[in-house]
Protein backbone atom coordinates (compact mmCIF):
# COMPACT_ATOMS: atom_id res chain seq x y z
CA MET A 1 13.31 -5.83 -45.66
CA ARG A 2 13.04 -2.72 -43.50
CA GLN A 3 16.10 -1.20 -42.01
CA ARG A 4 16.20 -0.57 -38.32
CA PRO A 5 16.53 3.02 -37.26
CA PRO A 6 19.85 3.96 -35.73
CA PRO A 7 20.04 3.80 -31.93
CA PRO A 8 19.37 7.09 -30.16
CA SER A 9 22.33 9.30 -29.53
CA ASP A 10 23.58 10.14 -26.06
CA ASN A 11 22.14 13.64 -26.47
CA ALA A 12 18.71 12.19 -27.31
CA ARG A 13 18.86 9.91 -24.27
CA ARG A 14 19.82 12.77 -21.97
CA ALA A 15 17.05 14.96 -23.39
CA LEU A 16 14.51 12.16 -22.92
CA ALA A 17 15.67 11.57 -19.32
CA LYS A 18 15.44 15.31 -18.63
CA TYR A 19 11.95 15.45 -20.12
CA ARG A 20 10.78 12.44 -18.08
CA GLU A 21 12.22 13.99 -14.91
CA SER A 22 10.41 17.25 -15.66
CA VAL A 23 7.09 15.44 -16.21
CA SER A 24 7.61 13.45 -13.01
CA LYS A 25 8.27 16.65 -11.03
CA ASP A 26 5.15 18.27 -12.48
CA LYS A 27 3.02 15.28 -11.57
CA ARG A 28 4.51 15.16 -8.08
CA ARG A 29 3.69 18.85 -7.63
CA ASP A 30 0.12 18.19 -8.84
CA ILE A 31 -0.24 15.32 -6.35
CA GLU A 32 1.07 17.48 -3.48
CA GLN A 33 -1.35 20.26 -4.41
CA ALA A 34 -4.21 17.77 -4.59
CA ILE A 35 -3.44 16.55 -1.07
CA LYS A 36 -3.33 20.14 0.21
CA HIS A 37 -6.63 20.96 -1.48
CA LEU A 38 -8.38 17.85 -0.15
CA ARG A 39 -7.13 18.64 3.37
CA LYS A 40 -8.32 22.24 3.03
CA VAL A 41 -11.86 21.24 2.02
CA ASN A 42 -11.90 18.37 4.53
CA ALA A 43 -12.59 15.82 1.78
CA PRO A 44 -11.69 12.13 1.99
CA ILE A 45 -8.02 11.59 1.25
CA ASN A 46 -7.08 8.32 -0.41
CA ILE A 47 -5.15 7.26 -3.49
CA SER A 48 -8.20 7.48 -5.75
CA THR A 49 -9.34 10.94 -4.66
CA VAL A 50 -5.81 12.33 -4.81
CA ALA A 51 -5.21 10.85 -8.27
CA ALA A 52 -8.52 12.20 -9.56
CA ARG A 53 -7.86 15.66 -8.12
CA ALA A 54 -4.28 15.71 -9.49
CA GLY A 55 -5.36 14.46 -12.90
CA VAL A 56 -3.00 11.50 -12.83
CA GLN A 57 -3.41 7.75 -12.73
CA ARG A 58 -3.34 5.91 -9.41
CA LYS A 59 -0.15 4.09 -10.42
CA THR A 60 1.53 7.49 -10.77
CA VAL A 61 0.68 8.28 -7.15
CA TYR A 62 2.05 4.90 -6.05
CA LYS A 63 5.43 5.79 -7.63
CA HIS A 64 5.96 8.36 -4.85
CA ASP A 65 6.34 6.32 -1.67
CA ASP A 66 6.63 9.38 0.58
CA LEU A 67 3.37 10.83 -0.75
CA VAL A 68 1.63 7.47 -0.38
CA ALA A 69 2.73 7.51 3.27
CA VAL A 70 1.25 11.01 3.69
CA ILE A 71 -2.01 9.87 2.08
CA ASP A 72 -2.14 6.78 4.32
CA ALA A 73 -1.55 8.92 7.41
CA HIS A 74 -4.44 11.21 6.47
CA ARG A 75 -6.69 8.29 5.63
CA HIS A 76 -6.03 6.61 8.98
CA HIS A 77 -6.38 9.90 10.86
CA ARG A 78 -9.70 10.60 9.18
CA SER A 79 -10.99 7.06 9.73
CA SER A 80 -10.24 7.44 13.46
CA ALA A 81 -12.25 10.65 13.53
CA ASP A 82 -15.03 8.96 11.54
CA ASN A 83 -15.05 6.05 14.01
CA ALA A 84 -15.47 8.46 16.91
CA SER A 85 -18.42 10.15 15.23
CA THR A 86 -19.86 6.74 14.30
CA THR A 87 -19.59 5.63 17.92
CA ARG A 88 -21.32 8.82 19.02
CA GLU A 89 -23.96 8.31 16.36
CA THR A 90 -24.40 4.69 17.39
CA SER A 91 -24.95 5.60 21.05
CA ILE A 92 -27.50 8.23 20.03
CA MET A 93 -29.23 5.71 17.80
CA ALA A 94 -29.27 3.15 20.63
CA ALA A 95 -30.83 5.69 23.00
CA LEU A 96 -33.46 6.62 20.42
CA ARG A 97 -34.24 2.96 19.77
CA THR A 98 -34.69 2.40 23.52
CA GLN A 99 -37.06 5.37 23.73
CA LEU A 100 -38.95 4.14 20.69
CA ALA A 101 -39.31 0.65 22.19
CA ALA A 102 -40.63 2.17 25.43
CA LYS A 103 -43.16 4.24 23.47
CA ASP A 104 -44.23 1.14 21.51
CA THR A 105 -44.79 -0.74 24.78
CA GLU A 106 -46.77 2.19 26.19
CA ILE A 107 -48.93 2.34 23.03
CA ARG A 108 -49.62 -1.41 23.21
CA THR A 109 -50.61 -1.09 26.88
CA LEU A 110 -52.92 1.85 26.14
CA ARG A 111 -54.53 0.04 23.19
CA THR A 112 -55.18 -3.01 25.38
CA LYS A 113 -56.70 -0.79 28.06
CA LEU A 114 -58.83 1.01 25.46
CA ALA A 115 -60.08 -2.30 24.05
CA GLU A 116 -61.02 -3.44 27.57
CA GLN A 117 -62.86 -0.16 28.22
CA GLU A 118 -64.71 -0.40 24.90
CA THR A 119 -65.75 -3.95 25.80
CA THR A 120 -66.94 -2.76 29.21
CA ILE A 121 -68.88 0.10 27.60
CA ALA A 122 -70.46 -2.28 25.11
CA LEU A 123 -71.50 -4.63 27.95
CA LEU A 124 -72.95 -1.75 29.95
CA TYR A 125 -74.92 -0.49 26.93
CA GLY A 126 -76.15 -4.06 26.45
CA GLN A 127 -77.31 -4.26 30.07
CA LEU A 128 -78.89 -0.83 29.79
CA ASP A 129 -80.82 -1.96 26.71
CA THR A 130 -82.13 -5.10 28.50
CA HIS A 131 -83.32 -3.09 31.53
CA THR A 132 -85.10 -0.43 29.52
CA THR A 133 -87.09 -2.79 27.35
């Protein structure tokens, strides 16, 4: 039967806690820098993009409630700006669709008129042929 290792000493526990705190601070710094970088380059800011940029897992980002709040604020701010540009784009698209529909109607009208004129020309040629023979 295997013997269990002795429990860790108080020194080992303190050293482990200190190490974990140091790693946590480093990751927090990386997340903060990722947010700053994404803001600087005007890239989408959400949990996934921040985590990818910081080189951490998404669950690591979620451990920092204050940073999640900052990310959410940027995401909502950006989505509002995107909605404004989408609305602008939609109104432009609607105007272009209206113009396109008007052009389609005009083309149909002109084609109908052309067909009528071709029929008239064909009839006149037919009458001309009957009078000359």
